[in-house]
PDB file of all heavy atoms in Angstrom:
ATOM      1  N   PRO A   1     -44.355  45.995-103.373  1.00  0.00           N
ATOM      2  CA  PRO A   1     -43.315  46.059-102.337  1.00  0.00           C
ATOM      3  C   PRO A   1     -43.084  44.681-101.718  1.00  0.00           C
ATOM      4  O   PRO A   1     -44.022  43.892-101.570  1.00  0.00           O
ATOM      5  CB  PRO A   1     -43.900  47.030-101.311  1.00  0.00           C
ATOM      6  CG  PRO A   1     -44.925  47.825-102.055  1.00  0.00           C
ATOM      7  CD  PRO A   1     -45.482  46.906-103.090  1.00  0.00           C
ATOM      8  N   ILE A   2     -41.830  44.382-101.371  1.00  0.00           N
ATOM      9  CA  ILE A   2     -41.543  43.064-100.783  1.00  0.00           C
ATOM     10  C   ILE A   2     -41.802  43.105 -99.277  1.00  0.00           C
ATOM     11  O   ILE A   2     -41.688  44.160 -98.645  1.00  0.00           O
ATOM     12  CB  ILE A   2     -40.084  42.609-101.075  1.00  0.00           C
ATOM     13  CG1 ILE A   2     -39.069  43.500-100.357  1.00  0.00           C
ATOM     14  CG2 ILE A   2     -39.805  42.559-102.555  1.00  0.00           C
ATOM     15  CD1 ILE A   2     -37.672  42.926-100.322  1.00  0.00           C
ATOM     16  N   PRO A   3     -42.169  41.954 -98.677  1.00  0.00           N
ATOM     17  CA  PRO A   3     -42.452  41.908 -97.241  1.00  0.00           C
ATOM     18  C   PRO A   3     -41.216  42.225 -96.394  1.00  0.00           C
ATOM     19  O   PRO A   3     -40.077  41.985 -96.825  1.00  0.00           O
ATOM     20  CB  PRO A   3     -42.901  40.460 -97.001  1.00  0.00           C
ATOM     21  CG  PRO A   3     -43.054  39.840 -98.340  1.00  0.00           C
ATOM     22  CD  PRO A   3     -42.319  40.662 -99.332  1.00  0.00           C
ATOM     23  N   GLU A   4     -41.434  42.744 -95.218  1.00  0.00           N
ATOM     24  CA  GLU A   4     -40.345  43.100 -94.289  1.00  0.00           C
ATOM     25  C   GLU A   4     -39.467  41.894 -93.981  1.00  0.00           C
ATOM     26  O   GLU A   4     -38.238  42.010 -93.895  1.00  0.00           O
ATOM     27  CB  GLU A   4     -40.957  43.660 -92.996  1.00  0.00           C
ATOM     28  CG  GLU A   4     -39.916  44.139 -91.985  1.00  0.00           C
ATOM     29  CD  GLU A   4     -39.136  45.357 -92.444  1.00  0.00           C
ATOM     30  OE1 GLU A   4     -39.721  46.215 -93.143  1.00  0.00           O
ATOM     31  OE2 GLU A   4     -37.935  45.425 -92.136  1.00  0.00           O
ATOM     32  N   SER A   5     -40.087  40.722 -93.831  1.00  0.00           N
ATOM     33  CA  SER A   5     -39.322  39.518 -93.480  1.00  0.00           C
ATOM     34  C   SER A   5     -38.319  39.166 -94.583  1.00  0.00           C
ATOM     35  O   SER A   5     -37.184  38.763 -94.314  1.00  0.00           O
ATOM     36  CB  SER A   5     -40.266  38.331 -93.245  1.00  0.00           C
ATOM     37  OG  SER A   5     -41.042  38.098 -94.413  1.00  0.00           O
ATOM     38  N   LEU A   6     -38.716  39.338 -95.842  1.00  0.00           N
ATOM     39  CA  LEU A   6     -37.817  39.035 -96.959  1.00  0.00           C
ATOM     40  C   LEU A   6     -36.692  40.073 -97.031  1.00  0.00           C
ATOM     41  O   LEU A   6     -35.540  39.732 -97.300  1.00  0.00           O
ATOM     42  CB  LEU A   6     -38.592  38.985 -98.282  1.00  0.00           C
ATOM     43  CG  LEU A   6     -37.760  38.701 -99.546  1.00  0.00           C
ATOM     44  CD1 LEU A   6     -36.924  37.442 -99.394  1.00  0.00           C
ATOM     45  CD2 LEU A   6     -38.651  38.606-100.781  1.00  0.00           C
ATOM     46  N   ARG A   7     -37.038  41.317 -96.760  1.00  0.00           N
ATOM     47  CA  ARG A   7     -36.021  42.359 -96.777  1.00  0.00           C
ATOM     48  C   ARG A   7     -34.936  42.065 -95.728  1.00  0.00           C
ATOM     49  O   ARG A   7     -33.749  42.200 -96.003  1.00  0.00           O
ATOM     50  CB  ARG A   7     -36.657  43.725 -96.525  1.00  0.00           C
ATOM     51  CG  ARG A   7     -35.650  44.866 -96.665  1.00  0.00           C
ATOM     52  CD  ARG A   7     -36.294  46.210 -96.764  1.00  0.00           C
ATOM     53  NE  ARG A   7     -37.131  46.488 -95.597  1.00  0.00           N
ATOM     54  CZ  ARG A   7     -37.831  47.607 -95.439  1.00  0.00           C
ATOM     55  NH1 ARG A   7     -37.812  48.519 -96.390  1.00  0.00           N
ATOM     56  NH2 ARG A   7     -38.557  47.813 -94.369  1.00  0.00           N
ATOM     57  N   THR A   8     -35.373  41.622 -94.552  1.00  0.00           N
ATOM     58  CA  THR A   8     -34.418  41.262 -93.489  1.00  0.00           C
ATOM     59  C   THR A   8     -33.537  40.106 -93.936  1.00  0.00           C
ATOM     60  O   THR A   8     -32.324  40.095 -93.713  1.00  0.00           O
ATOM     61  CB  THR A   8     -35.182  40.884 -92.195  1.00  0.00           C
ATOM     62  OG1 THR A   8     -36.006  41.979 -91.816  1.00  0.00           O
ATOM     63  CG2 THR A   8     -34.236  40.553 -91.057  1.00  0.00           C
ATOM     64  N   GLU A   9     -34.150  39.123 -94.609  1.00  0.00           N
ATOM     65  CA  GLU A   9     -33.390  37.974 -95.098  1.00  0.00           C
ATOM     66  C   GLU A   9     -32.353  38.404 -96.131  1.00  0.00           C
ATOM     67  O   GLU A   9     -31.193  37.970 -96.088  1.00  0.00           O
ATOM     68  CB  GLU A   9     -34.336  36.945 -95.731  1.00  0.00           C
ATOM     69  CG  GLU A   9     -33.613  35.704 -96.255  1.00  0.00           C
ATOM     70  CD  GLU A   9     -34.512  34.770 -97.061  1.00  0.00           C
ATOM     71  OE1 GLU A   9     -35.748  34.989 -97.107  1.00  0.00           O
ATOM     72  OE2 GLU A   9     -33.976  33.831 -97.667  1.00  0.00           O
ATOM     73  N   LEU A  10     -32.754  39.293 -97.057  1.00  0.00           N
ATOM     74  CA  LEU A  10     -31.843  39.767 -98.105  1.00  0.00           C
ATOM     75  C   LEU A  10     -30.657  40.530 -97.510  1.00  0.00           C
ATOM     76  O   LEU A  10     -29.526  40.392 -97.962  1.00  0.00           O
ATOM     77  CB  LEU A  10     -32.594  40.663 -99.100  1.00  0.00           C
ATOM     78  CG  LEU A  10     -33.638  39.974 -99.983  1.00  0.00           C
ATOM     79  CD1 LEU A  10     -34.440  41.002-100.760  1.00  0.00           C
ATOM     80  CD2 LEU A  10     -32.983  38.972-100.937  1.00  0.00           C
ATOM     81  N   LYS A  11     -30.935  41.323 -96.479  1.00  0.00           N
ATOM     82  CA  LYS A  11     -29.864  42.088 -95.824  1.00  0.00           C
ATOM     83  C   LYS A  11     -28.847  41.151 -95.173  1.00  0.00           C
ATOM     84  O   LYS A  11     -27.661  41.442 -95.114  1.00  0.00           O
ATOM     85  CB  LYS A  11     -30.451  43.036 -94.780  1.00  0.00           C
ATOM     86  CG  LYS A  11     -31.025  44.312 -95.386  1.00  0.00           C
ATOM     87  CD  LYS A  11     -31.464  45.268 -94.297  1.00  0.00           C
ATOM     88  CE  LYS A  11     -31.951  46.578 -94.911  1.00  0.00           C
ATOM     89  NZ  LYS A  11     -32.488  47.495 -93.893  1.00  0.00           N
ATOM     90  N   GLY A  12     -29.338  40.017 -94.700  1.00  0.00           N
ATOM     91  CA  GLY A  12     -28.459  39.040 -94.051  1.00  0.00           C
ATOM     92  C   GLY A  12     -27.568  38.310 -95.039  1.00  0.00           C
ATOM     93  O   GLY A  12     -26.522  37.769 -94.662  1.00  0.00           O
ATOM     94  N   LEU A  13     -27.961  38.296 -96.318  1.00  0.00           N
ATOM     95  CA  LEU A  13     -27.166  37.625 -97.353  1.00  0.00           C
ATOM     96  C   LEU A  13     -26.196  38.663 -97.934  1.00  0.00           C
ATOM     97  O   LEU A  13     -26.452  39.290 -98.960  1.00  0.00           O
ATOM     98  CB  LEU A  13     -28.083  37.055 -98.439  1.00  0.00           C
ATOM     99  CG  LEU A  13     -29.092  35.992 -97.944  1.00  0.00           C
ATOM    100  CD1 LEU A  13     -30.126  35.687 -99.013  1.00  0.00           C
ATOM    101  CD2 LEU A  13     -28.357  34.716 -97.538  1.00  0.00           C
ATOM    102  N   THR A  14     -25.072  38.841 -97.257  1.00  0.00           N
ATOM    103  CA  THR A  14     -24.157  39.948 -97.581  1.00  0.00           C
ATOM    104  C   THR A  14     -23.583  39.875 -99.003  1.00  0.00           C
ATOM    105  O   THR A  14     -23.234  40.895 -99.583  1.00  0.00           O
ATOM    106  CB  THR A  14     -22.990  39.997 -96.570  1.00  0.00           C
ATOM    107  OG1 THR A  14     -22.357  38.710 -96.530  1.00  0.00           O
ATOM    108  CG2 THR A  14     -23.482  40.355 -95.188  1.00  0.00           C
ATOM    109  N   HIS A  15     -23.488  38.650 -99.561  1.00  0.00           N
ATOM    110  CA  HIS A  15     -22.945  38.528-100.914  1.00  0.00           C
ATOM    111  C   HIS A  15     -23.847  39.189-101.960  1.00  0.00           C
ATOM    112  O   HIS A  15     -23.416  39.517-103.063  1.00  0.00           O
ATOM    113  CB  HIS A  15     -22.685  37.061-101.288  1.00  0.00           C
ATOM    114  CG  HIS A  15     -23.927  36.231-101.372  1.00  0.00           C
ATOM    115  ND1 HIS A  15     -24.643  35.844-100.252  1.00  0.00           N
ATOM    116  CD2 HIS A  15     -24.585  35.709-102.442  1.00  0.00           C
ATOM    117  CE1 HIS A  15     -25.682  35.119-100.628  1.00  0.00           C
ATOM    118  NE2 HIS A  15     -25.667  35.022-101.948  1.00  0.00           N
ATOM    119  N   LEU A  16     -25.129  39.370-101.601  1.00  0.00           N
ATOM    120  CA  LEU A  16     -26.057  40.028-102.534  1.00  0.00           C
ATOM    121  C   LEU A  16     -25.847  41.545-102.534  1.00  0.00           C
ATOM    122  O   LEU A  16     -26.120  42.216-103.523  1.00  0.00           O
ATOM    123  CB  LEU A  16     -27.508  39.720-102.173  1.00  0.00           C
ATOM    124  CG  LEU A  16     -27.939  38.247-102.193  1.00  0.00           C
ATOM    125  CD1 LEU A  16     -29.417  38.128-101.878  1.00  0.00           C
ATOM    126  CD2 LEU A  16     -27.638  37.600-103.546  1.00  0.00           C
ATOM    127  N   GLY A  17     -25.414  42.085-101.410  1.00  0.00           N
ATOM    128  CA  GLY A  17     -25.121  43.523-101.316  1.00  0.00           C
ATOM    129  C   GLY A  17     -26.337  44.408-101.456  1.00  0.00           C
ATOM    130  O   GLY A  17     -26.306  45.400-102.196  1.00  0.00           O
ATOM    131  N   LEU A  18     -27.429  44.079-100.746  1.00  0.00           N
ATOM    132  CA  LEU A  18     -28.617  44.941-100.796  1.00  0.00           C
ATOM    133  C   LEU A  18     -28.256  46.320-100.228  1.00  0.00           C
ATOM    134  O   LEU A  18     -27.849  46.453 -99.082  1.00  0.00           O
ATOM    135  CB  LEU A  18     -29.770  44.327 -99.988  1.00  0.00           C
ATOM    136  CG  LEU A  18     -31.065  45.170 -99.952  1.00  0.00           C
ATOM    137  CD1 LEU A  18     -31.678  45.291-101.345  1.00  0.00           C
ATOM    138  CD2 LEU A  18     -32.075  44.560 -98.981  1.00  0.00           C
ATOM    139  N   GLN A  19     -28.412  47.349-101.055  1.00  0.00           N
ATOM    140  CA  GLN A  19     -28.057  48.707-100.647  1.00  0.00           C
ATOM    141  C   GLN A  19     -29.261  49.527-100.204  1.00  0.00           C
ATOM    142  O   GLN A  19     -29.173  50.333 -99.288  1.00  0.00           O
ATOM    143  CB  GLN A  19     -27.382  49.440-101.822  1.00  0.00           C
ATOM    144  CG  GLN A  19     -26.105  48.802-102.310  1.00  0.00           C
ATOM    145  CD  GLN A  19     -25.020  48.803-101.246  1.00  0.00           C
ATOM    146  OE1 GLN A  19     -24.754  49.824-100.631  1.00  0.00           O
ATOM    147  NE2 GLN A  19     -24.409  47.640-101.020  1.00  0.00           N
ATOM    148  N   ASP A  20     -30.385  49.302-100.884  1.00  0.00           N
ATOM    149  CA  ASP A  20     -31.530  50.180-100.645  1.00  0.00           C
ATOM    150  C   ASP A  20     -32.803  49.517-101.165  1.00  0.00           C
ATOM    151  O   ASP A  20     -32.753  48.681-102.071  1.00  0.00           O
ATOM    152  CB  ASP A  20     -31.300  51.507-101.383  1.00  0.00           C
ATOM    153  CG  ASP A  20     -32.231  52.612-100.902  1.00  0.00           C
ATOM    154  OD1 ASP A  20     -32.874  52.421 -99.848  1.00  0.00           O
ATOM    155  OD2 ASP A  20     -32.296  53.652-101.571  1.00  0.00           O
ATOM    156  N   GLN A  21     -33.916  49.903-100.541  1.00  0.00           N
ATOM    157  CA  GLN A  21     -35.213  49.454-101.051  1.00  0.00           C
ATOM    158  C   GLN A  21     -36.183  50.613-100.969  1.00  0.00           C
ATOM    159  O   GLN A  21     -36.390  51.184 -99.905  1.00  0.00           O
ATOM    160  CB  GLN A  21     -35.751  48.267-100.247  1.00  0.00           C
ATOM    161  CG  GLN A  21     -36.909  47.601-100.966  1.00  0.00           C
ATOM    162  CD  GLN A  21     -38.127  47.378-100.071  1.00  0.00           C
ATOM    163  OE1 GLN A  21     -37.986  47.254 -98.869  1.00  0.00           O
ATOM    164  NE2 GLN A  21     -39.310  47.327-100.655  1.00  0.00           N
ATOM    165  N   LYS A  22     -36.725  50.997-102.111  1.00  0.00           N
ATOM    166  CA  LYS A  22     -37.701  52.088-102.160  1.00  0.00           C
ATOM    167  C   LYS A  22     -38.941  51.575-102.870  1.00  0.00           C
ATOM    168  O   LYS A  22     -38.918  51.293-104.059  1.00  0.00           O
ATOM    169  CB  LYS A  22     -37.126  53.287-102.915  1.00  0.00           C
ATOM    170  CG  LYS A  22     -35.945  53.938-102.201  1.00  0.00           C
ATOM    171  CD  LYS A  22     -35.351  55.048-103.034  1.00  0.00           C
ATOM    172  CE  LYS A  22     -34.134  55.650-102.344  1.00  0.00           C
ATOM    173  NZ  LYS A  22     -33.440  56.634-103.166  1.00  0.00           N
ATOM    174  N   GLU A  23     -40.009  51.430-102.093  1.00  0.00           N
ATOM    175  CA  GLU A  23     -41.287  50.934-102.623  1.00  0.00           C
ATOM    176  C   GLU A  23     -41.066  49.667-103.455  1.00  0.00           C
ATOM    177  O   GLU A  23     -40.771  48.630-102.912  1.00  0.00           O
ATOM    178  CB  GLU A  23     -41.978  52.039-103.439  1.00  0.00           C
ATOM    179  CG  GLU A  23     -42.366  53.244-102.585  1.00  0.00           C
ATOM    180  CD  GLU A  23     -43.057  54.322-103.372  1.00  0.00           C
ATOM    181  OE1 GLU A  23     -43.224  54.164-104.599  1.00  0.00           O
ATOM    182  OE2 GLU A  23     -43.431  55.324-102.752  1.00  0.00           O
ATOM    183  N   ASN A  24     -41.191  49.770-104.778  1.00  0.00           N
ATOM    184  CA  ASN A  24     -41.094  48.577-105.633  1.00  0.00           C
ATOM    185  C   ASN A  24     -39.717  48.428-106.274  1.00  0.00           C
ATOM    186  O   ASN A  24     -39.580  47.792-107.305  1.00  0.00           O
ATOM    187  CB  ASN A  24     -42.138  48.647-106.761  1.00  0.00           C
ATOM    188  CG  ASN A  24     -43.545  48.657-106.224  1.00  0.00           C
ATOM    189  OD1 ASN A  24     -43.754  48.819-105.025  1.00  0.00           O
ATOM    190  ND2 ASN A  24     -44.518  48.502-107.083  1.00  0.00           N
ATOM    191  N   ARG A  25     -38.693  49.007-105.637  1.00  0.00           N
ATOM    192  CA  ARG A  25     -37.368  48.986-106.266  1.00  0.00           C
ATOM    193  C   ARG A  25     -36.310  48.533-105.262  1.00  0.00           C
ATOM    194  O   ARG A  25     -36.194  49.066-104.167  1.00  0.00           O
ATOM    195  CB  ARG A  25     -37.018  50.379-106.790  1.00  0.00           C
ATOM    196  CG  ARG A  25     -35.857  50.376-107.765  1.00  0.00           C
ATOM    197  CD  ARG A  25     -35.669  51.735-108.367  1.00  0.00           C
ATOM    198  NE  ARG A  25     -35.299  52.722-107.354  1.00  0.00           N
ATOM    199  CZ  ARG A  25     -34.521  53.773-107.569  1.00  0.00           C
ATOM    200  NH1 ARG A  25     -34.063  53.989-108.773  1.00  0.00           N
ATOM    201  NH2 ARG A  25     -34.222  54.623-106.603  1.00  0.00           N
ATOM    202  N   LEU A  26     -35.526  47.529-105.677  1.00  0.00           N
ATOM    203  CA  LEU A  26     -34.421  47.016-104.861  1.00  0.00           C
ATOM    204  C   LEU A  26     -33.107  47.356-105.564  1.00  0.00           C
ATOM    205  O   LEU A  26     -32.992  47.168-106.778  1.00  0.00           O
ATOM    206  CB  LEU A  26     -34.525  45.496-104.709  1.00  0.00           C
ATOM    207  CG  LEU A  26     -35.748  44.953-103.972  1.00  0.00           C
ATOM    208  CD1 LEU A  26     -35.936  43.494-104.302  1.00  0.00           C
ATOM    209  CD2 LEU A  26     -35.591  45.149-102.470  1.00  0.00           C
ATOM    210  N   ILE A  27     -32.130  47.833-104.796  1.00  0.00           N
ATOM    211  CA  ILE A  27     -30.826  48.162-105.376  1.00  0.00           C
ATOM    212  C   ILE A  27     -29.757  47.312-104.695  1.00  0.00           C
ATOM    213  O   ILE A  27     -29.609  47.339-103.470  1.00  0.00           O
ATOM    214  CB  ILE A  27     -30.496  49.655-105.206  1.00  0.00           C
ATOM    215  CG1 ILE A  27     -31.567  50.513-105.895  1.00  0.00           C
ATOM    216  CG2 ILE A  27     -29.124  49.970-105.794  1.00  0.00           C
ATOM    217  CD1 ILE A  27     -31.417  52.000-105.671  1.00  0.00           C
ATOM    218  N   PHE A  28     -29.043  46.526-105.509  1.00  0.00           N
ATOM    219  CA  PHE A  28     -27.993  45.633-105.014  1.00  0.00           C
ATOM    220  C   PHE A  28     -26.629  46.051-105.576  1.00  0.00           C
ATOM    221  O   PHE A  28     -26.548  46.553-106.700  1.00  0.00           O
ATOM    222  CB  PHE A  28     -28.245  44.187-105.456  1.00  0.00           C
ATOM    223  CG  PHE A  28     -29.527  43.581-104.948  1.00  0.00           C
ATOM    224  CD1 PHE A  28     -30.716  43.721-105.666  1.00  0.00           C
ATOM    225  CD2 PHE A  28     -29.544  42.856-103.761  1.00  0.00           C
ATOM    226  CE1 PHE A  28     -31.900  43.150-105.208  1.00  0.00           C
ATOM    227  CE2 PHE A  28     -30.720  42.275-103.304  1.00  0.00           C
ATOM    228  CZ  PHE A  28     -31.900  42.428-104.017  1.00  0.00           C
ATOM    229  N   THR A  29     -25.581  45.823-104.814  1.00  0.00           N
ATOM    230  CA  THR A  29     -24.214  45.862-105.330  1.00  0.00           C
ATOM    231  C   THR A  29     -23.602  44.504-105.020  1.00  0.00           C
ATOM    232  O   THR A  29     -22.927  44.318-104.002  1.00  0.00           O
ATOM    233  CB  THR A  29     -23.384  46.990-104.668  1.00  0.00           C
ATOM    234  OG1 THR A  29     -24.100  48.213-104.790  1.00  0.00           O
ATOM    235  CG2 THR A  29     -22.037  47.150-105.347  1.00  0.00           C
ATOM    236  N   PRO A  30     -23.857  43.524-105.876  1.00  0.00           N
ATOM    237  CA  PRO A  30     -23.425  42.147-105.573  1.00  0.00           C
ATOM    238  C   PRO A  30     -21.910  41.980-105.603  1.00  0.00           C
ATOM    239  O   PRO A  30     -21.212  42.700-106.321  1.00  0.00           O
ATOM    240  CB  PRO A  30     -24.083  41.318-106.674  1.00  0.00           C
ATOM    241  CG  PRO A  30     -24.336  42.269-107.789  1.00  0.00           C
ATOM    242  CD  PRO A  30     -24.558  43.614-107.166  1.00  0.00           C
ATOM    243  N   GLN A  31     -21.423  41.018-104.805  1.00  0.00           N
ATOM    244  CA  GLN A  31     -20.007  40.692-104.838  1.00  0.00           C
ATOM    245  C   GLN A  31     -19.647  40.053-106.172  1.00  0.00           C
ATOM    246  O   GLN A  31     -20.524  39.573-106.902  1.00  0.00           O
ATOM    247  CB  GLN A  31     -19.665  39.751-103.667  1.00  0.00           C
ATOM    248  CG  GLN A  31     -19.777  40.438-102.310  1.00  0.00           C
ATOM    249  CD  GLN A  31     -19.505  39.492-101.145  1.00  0.00           C
ATOM    250  OE1 GLN A  31     -19.140  38.332-101.333  1.00  0.00           O
ATOM    251  NE2 GLN A  31     -19.706  39.996 -99.927  1.00  0.00           N
ATOM    252  N   LYS A  32     -18.345  40.021-106.490  1.00  0.00           N
ATOM    253  CA  LYS A  32     -17.898  39.621-107.831  1.00  0.00           C
ATOM    254  C   LYS A  32     -18.395  38.254-108.273  1.00  0.00           C
ATOM    255  O   LYS A  32     -18.703  38.039-109.428  1.00  0.00           O
ATOM    256  CB  LYS A  32     -16.370  39.670-107.901  1.00  0.00           C
ATOM    257  CG  LYS A  32     -15.830  41.061-108.141  1.00  0.00           C
ATOM    258  CD  LYS A  32     -14.344  41.046-108.379  1.00  0.00           C
ATOM    259  CE  LYS A  32     -13.830  42.464-108.660  1.00  0.00           C
ATOM    260  NZ  LYS A  32     -12.369  42.499-108.816  1.00  0.00           N
ATOM    261  N   ASP A  33     -18.461  37.304-107.347  1.00  0.00           N
ATOM    262  CA  ASP A  33     -18.851  35.946-107.747  1.00  0.00           C
ATOM    263  C   ASP A  33     -20.362  35.727-107.712  1.00  0.00           C
ATOM    264  O   ASP A  33     -20.838  34.605-107.865  1.00  0.00           O
ATOM    265  CB  ASP A  33     -18.141  34.903-106.859  1.00  0.00           C
ATOM    266  CG  ASP A  33     -18.396  35.156-105.367  1.00  0.00           C
ATOM    267  OD1 ASP A  33     -18.982  36.204-105.039  1.00  0.00           O
ATOM    268  OD2 ASP A  33     -17.991  34.301-104.555  1.00  0.00           O
ATOM    269  N   THR A  34     -21.126  36.803-107.494  1.00  0.00           N
ATOM    270  CA  THR A  34     -22.589  36.693-107.471  1.00  0.00           C
ATOM    271  C   THR A  34     -23.163  37.218-108.784  1.00  0.00           C
ATOM    272  O   THR A  34     -22.897  38.350-109.173  1.00  0.00           O
ATOM    273  CB  THR A  34     -23.182  37.500-106.293  1.00  0.00           C
ATOM    274  OG1 THR A  34     -22.623  37.007-105.075  1.00  0.00           O
ATOM    275  CG2 THR A  34     -24.699  37.350-106.241  1.00  0.00           C
ATOM    276  N   GLU A  35     -23.912  36.364-109.475  1.00  0.00           N
ATOM    277  CA  GLU A  35     -24.501  36.752-110.756  1.00  0.00           C
ATOM    278  C   GLU A  35     -25.872  37.392-110.529  1.00  0.00           C
ATOM    279  O   GLU A  35     -26.535  37.135-109.531  1.00  0.00           O
ATOM    280  CB  GLU A  35     -24.674  35.521-111.662  1.00  0.00           C
ATOM    281  CG  GLU A  35     -23.385  34.790-111.983  1.00  0.00           C
ATOM    282  CD  GLU A  35     -22.468  35.602-112.885  1.00  0.00           C
ATOM    283  OE1 GLU A  35     -22.968  36.481-113.610  1.00  0.00           O
ATOM    284  OE2 GLU A  35     -21.247  35.361-112.837  1.00  0.00           O
ATOM    285  N   VAL A  36     -26.280  38.214-111.499  1.00  0.00           N
ATOM    286  CA  VAL A  36     -27.617  38.830-111.442  1.00  0.00           C
ATOM    287  C   VAL A  36     -28.681  37.730-111.405  1.00  0.00           C
ATOM    288  O   VAL A  36     -29.678  37.828-110.685  1.00  0.00           O
ATOM    289  CB  VAL A  36     -27.841  39.757-112.659  1.00  0.00           C
ATOM    290  CG1 VAL A  36     -29.257  40.326-112.649  1.00  0.00           C
ATOM    291  CG2 VAL A  36     -26.828  40.888-112.661  1.00  0.00           C
ATOM    292  N   SER A  37     -28.428  36.650-112.143  1.00  0.00           N
ATOM    293  CA  SER A  37     -29.409  35.543-112.188  1.00  0.00           C
ATOM    294  C   SER A  37     -29.595  34.894-110.811  1.00  0.00           C
ATOM    295  O   SER A  37     -30.679  34.391-110.496  1.00  0.00           O
ATOM    296  CB  SER A  37     -28.965  34.484-113.201  1.00  0.00           C
ATOM    297  OG  SER A  37     -27.670  34.006-112.881  1.00  0.00           O
ATOM    298  N   ASP A  38     -28.539  34.920-109.955  1.00  0.00           N
ATOM    299  CA  ASP A  38     -28.657  34.374-108.595  1.00  0.00           C
ATOM    300  C   ASP A  38     -29.671  35.174-107.786  1.00  0.00           C
ATOM    301  O   ASP A  38     -30.486  34.609-107.045  1.00  0.00           O
ATOM    302  CB  ASP A  38     -27.297  34.408-107.869  1.00  0.00           C
ATOM    303  CG  ASP A  38     -26.247  33.548-108.556  1.00  0.00           C
ATOM    304  OD1 ASP A  38     -26.635  32.596-109.260  1.00  0.00           O
ATOM    305  OD2 ASP A  38     -25.052  33.834-108.389  1.00  0.00           O
ATOM    306  N   ILE A  39     -29.617  36.488-107.931  1.00  0.00           N
ATOM    307  CA  ILE A  39     -30.540  37.366-107.193  1.00  0.00           C
ATOM    308  C   ILE A  39     -31.955  37.161-107.700  1.00  0.00           C
ATOM    309  O   ILE A  39     -32.909  37.029-106.917  1.00  0.00           O
ATOM    310  CB  ILE A  39     -30.125  38.848-107.340  1.00  0.00           C
ATOM    311  CG1 ILE A  39     -28.685  39.054-106.867  1.00  0.00           C
ATOM    312  CG2 ILE A  39     -31.070  39.759-106.563  1.00  0.00           C
ATOM    313  CD1 ILE A  39     -28.121  40.434-107.152  1.00  0.00           C
ATOM    314  N   VAL A  40     -32.098  37.127-109.015  1.00  0.00           N
ATOM    315  CA  VAL A  40     -33.422  36.955-109.624  1.00  0.00           C
ATOM    316  C   VAL A  40     -34.032  35.617-109.190  1.00  0.00           C
ATOM    317  O   VAL A  40     -35.208  35.543-108.810  1.00  0.00           O
ATOM    318  CB  VAL A  40     -33.334  37.048-111.163  1.00  0.00           C
ATOM    319  CG1 VAL A  40     -34.661  36.646-111.809  1.00  0.00           C
ATOM    320  CG2 VAL A  40     -32.938  38.464-111.587  1.00  0.00           C
ATOM    321  N   SER A  41     -33.222  34.549-109.220  1.00  0.00           N
ATOM    322  CA  SER A  41     -33.718  33.215-108.832  1.00  0.00           C
ATOM    323  C   SER A  41     -34.194  33.203-107.384  1.00  0.00           C
ATOM    324  O   SER A  41     -35.245  32.630-107.058  1.00  0.00           O
ATOM    325  CB  SER A  41     -32.614  32.159-109.010  1.00  0.00           C
ATOM    326  OG  SER A  41     -32.264  32.052-110.353  1.00  0.00           O
ATOM    327  N   LEU A  42     -33.415  33.842-106.498  1.00  0.00           N
ATOM    328  CA  LEU A  42     -33.786  33.876-105.083  1.00  0.00           C
ATOM    329  C   LEU A  42     -35.122  34.607-104.887  1.00  0.00           C
ATOM    330  O   LEU A  42     -36.005  34.134-104.160  1.00  0.00           O
ATOM    331  CB  LEU A  42     -32.687  34.569-104.275  1.00  0.00           C
ATOM    332  CG  LEU A  42     -32.823  34.482-102.746  1.00  0.00           C
ATOM    333  CD1 LEU A  42     -31.448  34.393-102.098  1.00  0.00           C
ATOM    334  CD2 LEU A  42     -33.580  35.667-102.177  1.00  0.00           C
ATOM    335  N   LEU A  43     -35.269  35.751-105.547  1.00  0.00           N
ATOM    336  CA  LEU A  43     -36.499  36.542-105.394  1.00  0.00           C
ATOM    337  C   LEU A  43     -37.716  35.812-105.950  1.00  0.00           C
ATOM    338  O   LEU A  43     -38.762  35.753-105.294  1.00  0.00           O
ATOM    339  CB  LEU A  43     -36.335  37.902-106.090  1.00  0.00           C
ATOM    340  CG  LEU A  43     -35.349  38.879-105.444  1.00  0.00           C
ATOM    341  CD1 LEU A  43     -35.160  40.110-106.325  1.00  0.00           C
ATOM    342  CD2 LEU A  43     -35.820  39.304-104.055  1.00  0.00           C
ATOM    343  N   THR A  44     -37.561  35.235-107.136  1.00  0.00           N
ATOM    344  CA  THR A  44     -38.709  34.521-107.721  1.00  0.00           C
ATOM    345  C   THR A  44     -39.050  33.281-106.899  1.00  0.00           C
ATOM    346  O   THR A  44     -40.219  32.906-106.770  1.00  0.00           O
ATOM    347  CB  THR A  44     -38.425  34.129-109.194  1.00  0.00           C
ATOM    348  OG1 THR A  44     -37.192  33.404-109.267  1.00  0.00           O
ATOM    349  CG2 THR A  44     -38.342  35.352-110.081  1.00  0.00           C
ATOM    350  N   GLY A  45     -38.011  32.667-106.308  1.00  0.00           N
ATOM    351  CA  GLY A  45     -38.233  31.515-105.430  1.00  0.00           C
ATOM    352  C   GLY A  45     -39.021  31.875-104.174  1.00  0.00           C
ATOM    353  O   GLY A  45     -39.645  31.007-103.548  1.00  0.00           O
ATOM    354  N   ARG A  46     -38.978  33.155-103.798  1.00  0.00           N
ATOM    355  CA  ARG A  46     -39.742  33.642-102.630  1.00  0.00           C
ATOM    356  C   ARG A  46     -41.081  34.232-103.040  1.00  0.00           C
ATOM    357  O   ARG A  46     -41.747  34.890-102.253  1.00  0.00           O
ATOM    358  CB  ARG A  46     -38.929  34.702-101.860  1.00  0.00           C
ATOM    359  CG  ARG A  46     -37.588  34.256-101.322  1.00  0.00           C
ATOM    360  CD  ARG A  46     -37.715  33.207-100.205  1.00  0.00           C
ATOM    361  NE  ARG A  46     -36.420  32.974 -99.563  1.00  0.00           N
ATOM    362  CZ  ARG A  46     -35.486  32.176-100.034  1.00  0.00           C
ATOM    363  NH1 ARG A  46     -35.694  31.533-101.185  1.00  0.00           N
ATOM    364  NH2 ARG A  46     -34.347  31.983 -99.389  1.00  0.00           N
TER     365      ARG A  46
END
């Protein structure tokens, strides 16, 4: 599971479109100009 602080940060990044988080699963609906690789890079960077 990801830390609460990171979840708050992800929610603030509206272009990522974080919809839900259940235990070890994150669900995003990213905006059109946001690539899946952008989300992956951000998470691995954290």
